[in-house]
Amino acid sequence: MNFLSTDTEYASKPLKVFRVITLILSFLGLYLLLRVLYVGDEQIEMGAAVGDFGPVSSFVSLAIGILLLITVITLYFAFRDIFRDKKTLRKSLLAIGLFLGFFLIAFLISSGEETPMKDNQVLSATGSRMVETGLKLFFILVFVAFGSMIWGGISRLFKPSGNA
């Protein structure tokens, strides 16, 4: 069974456990899908009219659980790999620090004022300031990305070629 094979260098114990969990959740999802299909649309609609969502709610709960599990697994492996190498950790902390610095700059140059919305509600001054901060942060990051692309292209032009 290649799915659980241990001959690859990446087949660590946590990875094997996650593979088994993935296999179990796949079969559970298939079972719940077949259950929804077996019950049929009319039965589900009649149940929903009285507040009973039956197999659909189980399917949605499984999807939410899988999303949470995938998030946890992704964060686990990302942080594990980041903390294994000091150079990677330093680069990650630098990137996070730069992002927080750009956020702080965007926050400081933003202002907020109460804004009426379409549904007769009012967006608070703090909410308005956070929206403006998000927009300004987006534009700052676009400017930084554009600048780094230009810098990379220009520096490549003046770099001596190794093909001589």
C-alpha atoms as a PDB file:
ATOM      1  CA  MET A   1       0.000   0.000   0.000  1.00  0.00           C
ATOM      2  CA  ASN A   2       1.930   3.032  -1.302  1.00  0.00           C
ATOM      3  CA  PHE A   3      -0.253   5.531   0.545  1.00  0.00           C
ATOM      4  CA  LEU A   4       1.271   4.558   3.909  1.00  0.00           C
ATOM      5  CA  SER A   5       4.730   3.689   2.600  1.00  0.00           C
ATOM      6  CA  THR A   6       7.718   4.525   4.810  1.00  0.00           C
ATOM      7  CA  ASP A   7      10.452   4.488   2.178  1.00  0.00           C
ATOM      8  CA  THR A   8      10.331   8.230   1.481  1.00  0.00           C
ATOM      9  CA  GLU A   9      12.426  10.626   3.536  1.00  0.00           C
ATOM     10  CA  TYR A  10       9.344  12.690   4.394  1.00  0.00           C
ATOM     11  CA  ALA A  11       7.358   9.830   5.902  1.00  0.00           C
ATOM     12  CA  SER A  12       7.587  10.974   9.509  1.00  0.00           C
ATOM     13  CA  LYS A  13       5.321   9.605  12.230  1.00  0.00           C
ATOM     14  CA  PRO A  14       3.007  12.660  12.249  1.00  0.00           C
ATOM     15  CA  LEU A  15       2.709  12.461   8.473  1.00  0.00           C
ATOM     16  CA  LYS A  16       1.708   8.779   8.660  1.00  0.00           C
ATOM     17  CA  VAL A  17      -0.914   9.601  11.294  1.00  0.00           C
ATOM     18  CA  PHE A  18      -2.306  12.422   9.133  1.00  0.00           C
ATOM     19  CA  ARG A  19      -2.466  10.076   6.144  1.00  0.00           C
ATOM     20  CA  VAL A  20      -4.519   7.554   8.123  1.00  0.00           C
ATOM     21  CA  ILE A  21      -6.816  10.324   9.369  1.00  0.00           C
ATOM     22  CA  THR A  22      -7.202  11.536   5.770  1.00  0.00           C
ATOM     23  CA  LEU A  23      -8.189   8.045   4.636  1.00  0.00           C
ATOM     24  CA  ILE A  24     -10.754   7.711   7.439  1.00  0.00           C
ATOM     25  CA  LEU A  25     -12.242  11.156   6.753  1.00  0.00           C
ATOM     26  CA  SER A  26     -12.441  10.377   3.032  1.00  0.00           C
ATOM     27  CA  PHE A  27     -14.529   7.290   3.679  1.00  0.00           C
ATOM     28  CA  LEU A  28     -16.675   9.171   6.205  1.00  0.00           C
ATOM     29  CA  GLY A  29     -17.280  11.937   3.659  1.00  0.00           C
ATOM     30  CA  LEU A  30     -18.191   9.390   0.993  1.00  0.00           C
ATOM     31  CA  TYR A  31     -20.645   7.732   3.399  1.00  0.00           C
ATOM     32  CA  LEU A  32     -22.291  11.064   4.266  1.00  0.00           C
ATOM     33  CA  LEU A  33     -22.518  12.003   0.582  1.00  0.00           C
ATOM     34  CA  LEU A  34     -24.211   8.719  -0.244  1.00  0.00           C
ATOM     35  CA  ARG A  35     -26.586   9.256   2.685  1.00  0.00           C
ATOM     36  CA  VAL A  36     -27.543  12.710   1.375  1.00  0.00           C
ATOM     37  CA  LEU A  37     -28.079  11.294  -2.119  1.00  0.00           C
ATOM     38  CA  TYR A  38     -30.138   8.378  -0.750  1.00  0.00           C
ATOM     39  CA  VAL A  39     -32.473  10.633   1.240  1.00  0.00           C
ATOM     40  CA  GLY A  40     -33.156  12.839  -1.769  1.00  0.00           C
ATOM     41  CA  ASP A  41     -33.991  16.479  -2.337  1.00  0.00           C
ATOM     42  CA  GLU A  42     -37.680  16.331  -1.435  1.00  0.00           C
ATOM     43  CA  GLN A  43     -37.086  14.693   1.943  1.00  0.00           C
ATOM     44  CA  ILE A  44     -34.309  17.167   2.780  1.00  0.00           C
ATOM     45  CA  GLU A  45     -36.506  20.137   1.792  1.00  0.00           C
ATOM     46  CA  MET A  46     -39.419  18.856   3.899  1.00  0.00           C
ATOM     47  CA  GLY A  47     -37.096  18.371   6.883  1.00  0.00           C
ATOM     48  CA  ALA A  48     -35.563  21.811   6.405  1.00  0.00           C
ATOM     49  CA  ALA A  49     -39.022  23.385   6.484  1.00  0.00           C
ATOM     50  CA  VAL A  50     -39.425  22.207  10.095  1.00  0.00           C
ATOM     51  CA  GLY A  51     -35.796  22.886  11.062  1.00  0.00           C
ATOM     52  CA  ASP A  52     -34.365  19.376  10.641  1.00  0.00           C
ATOM     53  CA  PHE A  53     -31.462  19.412   8.206  1.00  0.00           C
ATOM     54  CA  GLY A  54     -30.567  15.752   8.841  1.00  0.00           C
ATOM     55  CA  PRO A  55     -27.742  14.394   6.716  1.00  0.00           C
ATOM     56  CA  VAL A  56     -26.904  17.805   5.257  1.00  0.00           C
ATOM     57  CA  SER A  57     -25.915  19.198   8.661  1.00  0.00           C
ATOM     58  CA  SER A  58     -23.666  16.164   9.238  1.00  0.00           C
ATOM     59  CA  PHE A  59     -22.028  16.791   5.874  1.00  0.00           C
ATOM     60  CA  VAL A  60     -21.486  20.486   6.696  1.00  0.00           C
ATOM     61  CA  SER A  61     -20.100  19.621  10.145  1.00  0.00           C
ATOM     62  CA  LEU A  62     -17.640  17.202   8.539  1.00  0.00           C
ATOM     63  CA  ALA A  63     -16.565  19.893   6.061  1.00  0.00           C
ATOM     64  CA  ILE A  64     -15.954  22.383   8.887  1.00  0.00           C
ATOM     65  CA  GLY A  65     -14.016  19.756  10.845  1.00  0.00           C
ATOM     66  CA  ILE A  66     -11.872  18.930   7.825  1.00  0.00           C
ATOM     67  CA  LEU A  67     -11.182  22.621   7.230  1.00  0.00           C
ATOM     68  CA  LEU A  68     -10.045  23.025  10.839  1.00  0.00           C
ATOM     69  CA  LEU A  69      -7.931  19.871  10.626  1.00  0.00           C
ATOM     70  CA  ILE A  70      -6.258  21.011   7.406  1.00  0.00           C
ATOM     71  CA  THR A  71      -5.531  24.388   8.972  1.00  0.00           C
ATOM     72  CA  VAL A  72      -3.957  22.764  12.039  1.00  0.00           C
ATOM     73  CA  ILE A  73      -1.886  20.345   9.929  1.00  0.00           C
ATOM     74  CA  THR A  74      -0.672  23.137   7.652  1.00  0.00           C
ATOM     75  CA  LEU A  75       0.304  25.341  10.584  1.00  0.00           C
ATOM     76  CA  TYR A  76       2.015  22.402  12.329  1.00  0.00           C
ATOM     77  CA  PHE A  77       4.242  21.556   9.372  1.00  0.00           C
ATOM     78  CA  ALA A  78       4.919  25.212   8.520  1.00  0.00           C
ATOM     79  CA  PHE A  79       6.002  26.095  12.055  1.00  0.00           C
ATOM     80  CA  ARG A  80       7.938  22.837  12.411  1.00  0.00           C
ATOM     81  CA  ASP A  81       9.949  23.610   9.291  1.00  0.00           C
ATOM     82  CA  ILE A  82      10.430  27.271  10.244  1.00  0.00           C
ATOM     83  CA  PHE A  83      11.764  26.472  13.718  1.00  0.00           C
ATOM     84  CA  ARG A  84      14.120  23.742  12.468  1.00  0.00           C
ATOM     85  CA  ASP A  85      16.373  26.195  10.649  1.00  0.00           C
ATOM     86  CA  LYS A  86      17.609  29.426  12.251  1.00  0.00           C
ATOM     87  CA  LYS A  87      18.100  31.098   8.874  1.00  0.00           C
ATOM     88  CA  THR A  88      14.501  30.390   7.875  1.00  0.00           C
ATOM     89  CA  LEU A  89      13.273  31.555  11.274  1.00  0.00           C
ATOM     90  CA  ARG A  90      15.193  34.822  10.949  1.00  0.00           C
ATOM     91  CA  LYS A  91      13.789  35.446   7.454  1.00  0.00           C
ATOM     92  CA  SER A  92      10.256  34.664   8.633  1.00  0.00           C
ATOM     93  CA  LEU A  93      10.534  37.001  11.621  1.00  0.00           C
ATOM     94  CA  LEU A  94      11.932  39.728   9.364  1.00  0.00           C
ATOM     95  CA  ALA A  95       9.007  39.321   6.949  1.00  0.00           C
ATOM     96  CA  ILE A  96       6.484  39.406   9.805  1.00  0.00           C
ATOM     97  CA  GLY A  97       8.193  42.486  11.266  1.00  0.00           C
ATOM     98  CA  LEU A  98       8.126  44.279   7.909  1.00  0.00           C
ATOM     99  CA  PHE A  99       4.450  43.434   7.467  1.00  0.00           C
ATOM    100  CA  LEU A 100       3.614  44.734  10.942  1.00  0.00           C
ATOM    101  CA  GLY A 101       5.650  47.873  10.209  1.00  0.00           C
ATOM    102  CA  PHE A 102       3.711  48.470   6.987  1.00  0.00           C
ATOM    103  CA  PHE A 103       0.469  47.865   8.908  1.00  0.00           C
ATOM    104  CA  LEU A 104       1.487  50.414  11.523  1.00  0.00           C
ATOM    105  CA  ILE A 105       2.341  52.973   8.830  1.00  0.00           C
ATOM    106  CA  ALA A 106      -1.001  52.372   7.100  1.00  0.00           C
ATOM    107  CA  PHE A 107      -2.841  52.659  10.427  1.00  0.00           C
ATOM    108  CA  LEU A 108      -1.105  55.912  11.359  1.00  0.00           C
ATOM    109  CA  ILE A 109      -1.887  57.601   8.034  1.00  0.00           C
ATOM    110  CA  SER A 110      -5.522  56.490   8.112  1.00  0.00           C
ATOM    111  CA  SER A 111      -8.373  58.424   9.631  1.00  0.00           C
ATOM    112  CA  GLY A 112     -11.809  57.218  10.516  1.00  0.00           C
ATOM    113  CA  GLU A 113     -15.212  58.811  10.545  1.00  0.00           C
ATOM    114  CA  GLU A 114     -18.649  57.373  11.070  1.00  0.00           C
ATOM    115  CA  THR A 115     -20.134  56.333   7.758  1.00  0.00           C
ATOM    116  CA  PRO A 116     -23.804  55.574   7.024  1.00  0.00           C
ATOM    117  CA  MET A 117     -24.361  52.281   5.185  1.00  0.00           C
ATOM    118  CA  LYS A 118     -27.130  51.068   2.872  1.00  0.00           C
ATOM    119  CA  ASP A 119     -29.008  49.093   5.533  1.00  0.00           C
ATOM    120  CA  ASN A 120     -29.574  52.169   7.733  1.00  0.00           C
ATOM    121  CA  GLN A 121     -26.722  51.218  10.025  1.00  0.00           C
ATOM    122  CA  VAL A 122     -23.631  53.242  10.796  1.00  0.00           C
ATOM    123  CA  LEU A 123     -20.046  52.051  10.428  1.00  0.00           C
ATOM    124  CA  SER A 124     -18.133  53.243  13.482  1.00  0.00           C
ATOM    125  CA  ALA A 125     -15.108  55.510  13.221  1.00  0.00           C
ATOM    126  CA  THR A 126     -12.861  52.640  14.341  1.00  0.00           C
ATOM    127  CA  GLY A 127     -14.366  50.315  11.732  1.00  0.00           C
ATOM    128  CA  SER A 128     -13.932  52.964   9.074  1.00  0.00           C
ATOM    129  CA  ARG A 129     -10.310  53.474  10.098  1.00  0.00           C
ATOM    130  CA  MET A 130      -9.624  49.730   9.897  1.00  0.00           C
ATOM    131  CA  VAL A 131     -11.153  49.533   6.409  1.00  0.00           C
ATOM    132  CA  GLU A 132      -9.027  52.481   5.295  1.00  0.00           C
ATOM    133  CA  THR A 133      -5.976  50.865   6.931  1.00  0.00           C
ATOM    134  CA  GLY A 134      -6.605  47.659   4.976  1.00  0.00           C
ATOM    135  CA  LEU A 135      -6.888  49.530   1.703  1.00  0.00           C
ATOM    136  CA  LYS A 136      -3.763  51.589   2.334  1.00  0.00           C
ATOM    137  CA  LEU A 137      -1.856  48.472   3.433  1.00  0.00           C
ATOM    138  CA  PHE A 138      -2.879  46.769   0.192  1.00  0.00           C
ATOM    139  CA  PHE A 139      -1.582  49.668  -1.876  1.00  0.00           C
ATOM    140  CA  ILE A 140       1.657  49.840   0.123  1.00  0.00           C
ATOM    141  CA  LEU A 141       2.240  46.113  -0.448  1.00  0.00           C
ATOM    142  CA  VAL A 142       1.475  46.483  -4.176  1.00  0.00           C
ATOM    143  CA  PHE A 143       3.994  49.328  -4.352  1.00  0.00           C
ATOM    144  CA  VAL A 144       6.623  47.235  -2.509  1.00  0.00           C
ATOM    145  CA  ALA A 145       6.022  44.240  -4.808  1.00  0.00           C
ATOM    146  CA  PHE A 146       6.255  46.425  -7.894  1.00  0.00           C
ATOM    147  CA  GLY A 147       9.420  48.064  -6.592  1.00  0.00           C
ATOM    148  CA  SER A 148      11.051  44.721  -5.824  1.00  0.00           C
ATOM    149  CA  MET A 149      10.251  43.468  -9.348  1.00  0.00           C
ATOM    150  CA  ILE A 150      11.775  46.610 -10.866  1.00  0.00           C
ATOM    151  CA  TRP A 151      14.811  46.344  -8.569  1.00  0.00           C
ATOM    152  CA  GLY A 152      15.297  42.685  -9.494  1.00  0.00           C
ATOM    153  CA  GLY A 153      15.085  43.443 -13.209  1.00  0.00           C
ATOM    154  CA  ILE A 154      17.488  46.378 -13.035  1.00  0.00           C
ATOM    155  CA  SER A 155      20.010  44.529 -10.860  1.00  0.00           C
ATOM    156  CA  ARG A 156      19.961  41.599 -13.304  1.00  0.00           C
ATOM    157  CA  LEU A 157      20.862  43.984 -16.150  1.00  0.00           C
ATOM    158  CA  PHE A 158      24.037  45.153 -14.407  1.00  0.00           C
ATOM    159  CA  LYS A 159      25.048  41.751 -13.054  1.00  0.00           C
ATOM    160  CA  PRO A 160      27.999  40.243 -14.918  1.00  0.00           C
ATOM    161  CA  SER A 161      27.034  37.262 -17.038  1.00  0.00           C
ATOM    162  CA  GLY A 162      28.707  33.906 -16.402  1.00  0.00           C
ATOM    163  CA  ASN A 163      28.379  32.867 -20.073  1.00  0.00           C
ATOM    164  CA  ALA A 164      31.518  34.655 -21.288  1.00  0.00           C
END
